[in-house]
Amino acid sequence: MRHEDIWDIEAAKSYDTPGTGMFAPDVLGPTVERLAEIAGDGRALEFAIGTGRVAVPLSERGIPVTGIELSPPMLSQLRTKADEATIPVILGDMATAIAPGDYTLVYLVFNGISNLLTQAEQVACFRNAARHLSPGGRFVIELWVPELRKLPPGQNAMVWRSEPDYVGLDTYDVLLQQVVSHHFRIGEGQEVQLFRSPHRYIWPTELDLMAQLAGFEFESRHADWVRSDFTAESRSHVSVYRIPQKR
């Protein structure tokens, strides 16, 4: 499964869920608030900008936002909300594509870095973020913590959500740090729709090493966008890395 094939026209059309899920005000609001604070008076670059879930409200806050996006259908959906002059987007891979100019903030939200399926690609993503940032600029990553402790002994699959009309199931390859997320949406009668996406999961300490290899300094890690403490029980984190000031 290639991500450029997964995020097709059908996926792009169904991605937005205004007011609910990751578009819910209590999810999106703190995300935009924190990113606007980090960007300050500078410019922001979003890797894997998608349909503009975060970029559009951040731009409306007065932060100049540019994006990089791999999927033409996702970009087409974004264009129904903001034109090229408002939010310029480079079509390409976030590990290699270059956007013009310097930025005070590069951000990658909602587990986006795990869409890169090898460690080498993930390190390249950090290096690409670094080359876009001015001295003192920050790279912000939102990422889930692998929940391997919940895997049944001897099994490689785990149900992480079960509702009357939805089942979320992850299958793990712990040798290669690969996971495939299966999303089953249950309709009326016997109708079931399946959406699958592959990921490479990353432990927080591995993420920190990737940042170091790319020339970043670790700044902070919290469990969420409102800066709750990150603990051994946290299911996700928001990590901030900084390019050192020139000496």
Protein backbone atom coordinates (compact mmCIF):
# COMPACT_ATOMS: atom_id res chain seq x y z
CA MET A 1 0.00 0.00 0.00
CA ARG A 2 1.40 3.38 -1.07
CA HIS A 3 0.07 6.52 0.61
CA GLU A 4 -0.26 8.30 -2.73
CA ASP A 5 -2.71 5.53 -3.69
CA ILE A 6 -4.54 5.46 -0.34
CA TRP A 7 -5.38 9.16 -0.29
CA ASP A 8 -7.46 9.09 -3.45
CA ILE A 9 -10.53 11.07 -4.49
CA GLU A 10 -12.87 8.98 -2.34
CA ALA A 11 -10.70 9.33 0.76
CA ALA A 12 -10.31 13.08 0.24
CA LYS A 13 -14.06 13.61 -0.09
CA SER A 14 -14.78 11.73 3.13
CA TYR A 15 -11.84 13.09 5.16
CA ASP A 16 -13.48 16.20 6.59
CA THR A 17 -15.90 15.74 9.50
CA PRO A 18 -16.79 19.34 10.44
CA GLY A 19 -17.43 19.78 14.15
CA THR A 20 -16.68 16.17 15.10
CA GLY A 21 -13.69 13.86 15.53
CA MET A 22 -10.41 15.62 14.83
CA PHE A 23 -12.42 18.62 13.56
CA ALA A 24 -14.18 19.04 16.93
CA PRO A 25 -13.58 22.48 18.49
CA ASP A 26 -12.03 20.98 21.64
CA VAL A 27 -9.51 19.12 19.46
CA LEU A 28 -8.80 21.66 16.74
CA GLY A 29 -8.96 24.81 18.89
CA PRO A 30 -6.02 24.01 21.20
CA THR A 31 -3.97 22.75 18.24
CA VAL A 32 -4.32 26.03 16.36
CA GLU A 33 -3.82 28.09 19.51
CA ARG A 34 -0.53 26.40 20.40
CA LEU A 35 0.84 26.51 16.84
CA ALA A 36 -0.02 30.19 16.52
CA GLU A 37 1.84 30.85 19.77
CA ILE A 38 4.94 29.00 18.53
CA ALA A 39 4.88 30.65 15.09
CA GLY A 40 4.81 34.11 16.65
CA ASP A 41 5.31 36.79 14.01
CA GLY A 42 6.86 34.35 11.53
CA ARG A 43 5.68 32.02 8.80
CA ALA A 44 4.50 28.43 9.21
CA LEU A 45 5.01 25.42 6.96
CA GLU A 46 2.77 22.37 7.32
CA PHE A 47 4.03 19.00 6.16
CA ALA A 48 1.19 16.78 4.87
CA ILE A 49 -1.24 19.69 4.87
CA GLY A 50 -4.09 17.50 3.61
CA THR A 51 -7.44 19.25 3.28
CA GLY A 52 -6.35 22.14 5.48
CA ARG A 53 -7.87 21.03 8.77
CA VAL A 54 -5.24 22.99 10.71
CA ALA A 55 -3.82 25.30 8.04
CA VAL A 56 -7.09 27.07 7.25
CA PRO A 57 -7.93 28.19 10.82
CA LEU A 58 -4.25 28.97 11.48
CA SER A 59 -4.18 31.18 8.39
CA GLU A 60 -7.36 32.85 9.59
CA ARG A 61 -5.48 33.72 12.78
CA GLY A 62 -3.12 35.82 10.65
CA ILE A 63 -0.26 33.31 10.42
CA PRO A 64 1.09 32.99 6.86
CA VAL A 65 0.89 29.25 6.10
CA THR A 66 2.47 27.26 3.28
CA GLY A 67 1.98 23.53 2.79
CA ILE A 68 3.55 20.42 1.31
CA GLU A 69 1.15 17.65 0.23
CA LEU A 70 1.62 14.34 -1.58
CA SER A 71 -1.99 13.74 -2.65
CA PRO A 72 -3.55 15.80 -5.48
CA PRO A 73 -7.11 14.85 -4.36
CA MET A 74 -6.43 16.08 -0.81
CA LEU A 75 -5.03 19.31 -2.23
CA SER A 76 -8.11 19.70 -4.44
CA GLN A 77 -10.28 19.45 -1.34
CA LEU A 78 -8.18 22.13 0.36
CA ARG A 79 -8.71 24.38 -2.64
CA THR A 80 -12.45 24.44 -1.92
CA LYS A 81 -11.55 26.33 1.28
CA ALA A 82 -8.51 28.45 0.41
CA ASP A 83 -6.89 29.48 -2.87
CA GLU A 84 -3.21 29.33 -3.80
CA ALA A 85 -2.62 32.96 -2.89
CA THR A 86 -3.98 32.40 0.63
CA ILE A 87 -2.27 29.06 1.34
CA PRO A 88 0.44 28.14 -1.21
CA VAL A 89 1.08 24.38 -1.45
CA ILE A 90 3.96 22.43 -2.97
CA LEU A 91 2.84 19.07 -4.37
CA GLY A 92 5.37 16.48 -3.27
CA ASP A 93 6.82 14.25 -0.55
CA MET A 94 7.32 15.93 2.82
CA ALA A 95 10.69 14.15 3.21
CA THR A 96 12.15 15.81 0.11
CA ALA A 97 9.95 18.60 -1.31
CA ILE A 98 11.18 22.17 -0.86
CA ALA A 99 8.97 25.19 -0.19
CA PRO A 100 10.43 28.64 -0.90
CA GLY A 101 11.48 30.91 1.95
CA ASP A 102 12.36 30.51 5.63
CA TYR A 103 9.98 29.67 8.45
CA THR A 104 9.80 30.02 12.22
CA LEU A 105 7.58 26.92 12.44
CA VAL A 106 7.31 23.62 10.61
CA TYR A 107 4.61 21.31 11.94
CA LEU A 108 3.39 17.79 11.29
CA VAL A 109 0.21 16.81 13.12
CA PHE A 110 -2.07 13.84 13.71
CA ASN A 111 0.57 11.10 13.38
CA GLY A 112 1.64 12.30 9.94
CA ILE A 113 5.30 11.33 10.27
CA SER A 114 4.28 7.67 10.67
CA ASN A 115 3.01 7.74 7.08
CA LEU A 116 6.67 7.53 6.07
CA LEU A 117 7.28 3.80 6.19
CA THR A 118 11.03 3.58 6.78
CA GLN A 119 13.35 5.00 9.39
CA ALA A 120 15.47 6.58 6.66
CA GLU A 121 12.46 8.48 5.26
CA GLN A 122 11.52 9.68 8.74
CA VAL A 123 15.06 10.97 9.37
CA ALA A 124 14.93 12.67 5.96
CA CYS A 125 11.70 14.37 7.05
CA PHE A 126 13.47 15.87 10.06
CA ARG A 127 16.31 17.05 7.85
CA ASN A 128 13.82 18.60 5.43
CA ALA A 129 12.15 20.44 8.30
CA ALA A 130 15.55 21.70 9.47
CA ARG A 131 16.47 23.10 6.05
CA HIS A 132 13.28 25.18 6.01
CA LEU A 133 13.71 26.74 9.46
CA SER A 134 15.42 29.95 10.46
CA PRO A 135 17.81 29.79 13.44
CA GLY A 136 15.67 29.39 16.55
CA GLY A 137 12.80 27.96 14.50
CA ARG A 138 10.82 24.97 15.74
CA PHE A 139 9.59 21.66 14.36
CA VAL A 140 6.41 20.43 16.10
CA ILE A 141 5.25 16.83 15.81
CA GLU A 142 2.02 15.28 17.10
CA LEU A 143 2.34 11.50 17.32
CA TRP A 144 0.77 8.53 19.03
CA VAL A 145 2.65 6.27 21.44
CA PRO A 146 2.77 2.63 20.28
CA GLU A 147 0.44 0.59 22.49
CA LEU A 148 2.28 -2.71 22.32
CA ARG A 149 1.51 -3.44 25.98
CA LYS A 150 -2.11 -3.97 24.94
CA LEU A 151 -1.31 -6.68 22.41
CA PRO A 152 -2.59 -10.08 23.61
CA PRO A 153 0.27 -12.56 24.19
CA GLY A 154 1.16 -14.27 20.93
CA GLN A 155 -1.17 -12.06 18.88
CA ASN A 156 -0.43 -9.27 16.41
CA ALA A 157 -3.81 -7.52 16.31
CA MET A 158 -5.54 -5.14 18.71
CA VAL A 159 -8.98 -3.52 18.65
CA TRP A 160 -8.57 0.08 19.81
CA ARG A 161 -12.15 1.25 19.29
CA SER A 162 -15.44 -0.60 19.05
CA GLU A 163 -18.74 1.19 18.47
CA PRO A 164 -22.06 0.08 16.93
CA ASP A 165 -21.15 1.58 13.55
CA TYR A 166 -17.35 1.52 13.71
CA VAL A 167 -14.47 -0.79 14.61
CA GLY A 168 -10.81 0.29 14.66
CA LEU A 169 -8.23 -2.49 14.48
CA ASP A 170 -4.44 -2.33 14.28
CA THR A 171 -2.18 -5.18 13.13
CA TYR A 172 1.48 -5.03 14.15
CA ASP A 173 4.77 -6.28 12.80
CA VAL A 174 6.94 -5.65 15.85
CA LEU A 175 10.12 -6.73 14.06
CA LEU A 176 9.84 -3.99 11.43
CA GLN A 177 7.92 -1.46 13.57
CA GLN A 178 5.09 -1.56 11.06
CA VAL A 179 1.40 -1.23 11.83
CA VAL A 180 -1.63 -1.26 9.55
CA SER A 181 -4.73 0.55 10.79
CA HIS A 182 -8.02 -0.99 9.67
CA HIS A 183 -11.14 1.19 9.87
CA PHE A 184 -14.42 -0.74 9.52
CA ARG A 185 -17.51 1.42 9.05
CA ILE A 186 -20.69 -0.57 9.43
CA GLY A 187 -23.76 0.47 7.48
CA GLU A 188 -27.29 -0.85 7.40
CA GLY A 189 -27.81 -4.56 6.91
CA GLN A 190 -24.59 -6.35 6.00
CA GLU A 191 -22.80 -3.38 4.45
CA VAL A 192 -19.24 -2.79 5.73
CA GLN A 193 -16.67 -0.33 4.34
CA LEU A 194 -12.96 -0.87 5.00
CA PHE A 195 -10.23 1.76 4.88
CA ARG A 196 -6.64 0.69 5.61
CA SER A 197 -3.47 2.72 6.07
CA PRO A 198 0.09 1.54 6.81
CA HIS A 199 2.41 3.27 9.26
CA ARG A 200 5.83 2.95 10.83
CA TYR A 201 5.53 3.60 14.54
CA ILE A 202 8.21 5.55 16.41
CA TRP A 203 9.05 5.52 20.10
CA PRO A 204 9.54 8.99 21.64
CA THR A 205 13.23 8.35 22.35
CA GLU A 206 13.78 7.27 18.73
CA LEU A 207 12.08 10.45 17.58
CA ASP A 208 14.49 12.48 19.74
CA LEU A 209 17.47 10.76 18.12
CA MET A 210 16.10 11.52 14.64
CA ALA A 211 15.87 15.17 15.68
CA GLN A 212 19.44 15.16 16.94
CA LEU A 213 20.71 13.66 13.67
CA ALA A 214 19.03 16.53 11.81
CA GLY A 215 20.63 19.21 14.00
CA PHE A 216 17.71 19.94 16.34
CA GLU A 217 17.70 20.47 20.08
CA PHE A 218 14.90 18.95 22.14
CA GLU A 219 12.69 21.65 23.68
CA SER A 220 9.57 20.09 25.18
CA ARG A 221 7.14 17.18 25.19
CA HIS A 222 3.56 17.19 26.45
CA ALA A 223 0.69 14.73 26.31
CA ASP A 224 -1.52 17.11 24.31
CA TRP A 225 -1.85 20.59 22.88
CA VAL A 226 -2.84 22.15 26.21
CA ARG A 227 0.50 21.00 27.66
CA SER A 228 -0.63 18.28 30.04
CA ASP A 229 2.22 16.29 31.56
CA PHE A 230 3.60 13.48 29.41
CA THR A 231 3.70 10.25 31.43
CA ALA A 232 4.22 6.54 30.90
CA GLU A 233 0.45 6.24 30.44
CA SER A 234 0.12 8.95 27.77
CA ARG A 235 -1.30 7.67 24.48
CA SER A 236 0.14 10.49 22.38
CA HIS A 237 2.48 13.45 22.60
CA VAL A 238 3.25 16.85 21.13
CA SER A 239 7.02 17.23 20.82
CA VAL A 240 8.85 20.46 20.02
CA TYR A 241 12.36 20.60 18.57
CA ARG A 242 14.39 23.76 17.99
CA ILE A 243 17.12 24.76 15.53
CA PRO A 244 19.91 26.33 17.61
CA GLN A 245 20.55 30.04 17.27
CA LYS A 246 23.70 30.89 15.35
CA ARG A 247 26.68 31.30 17.65
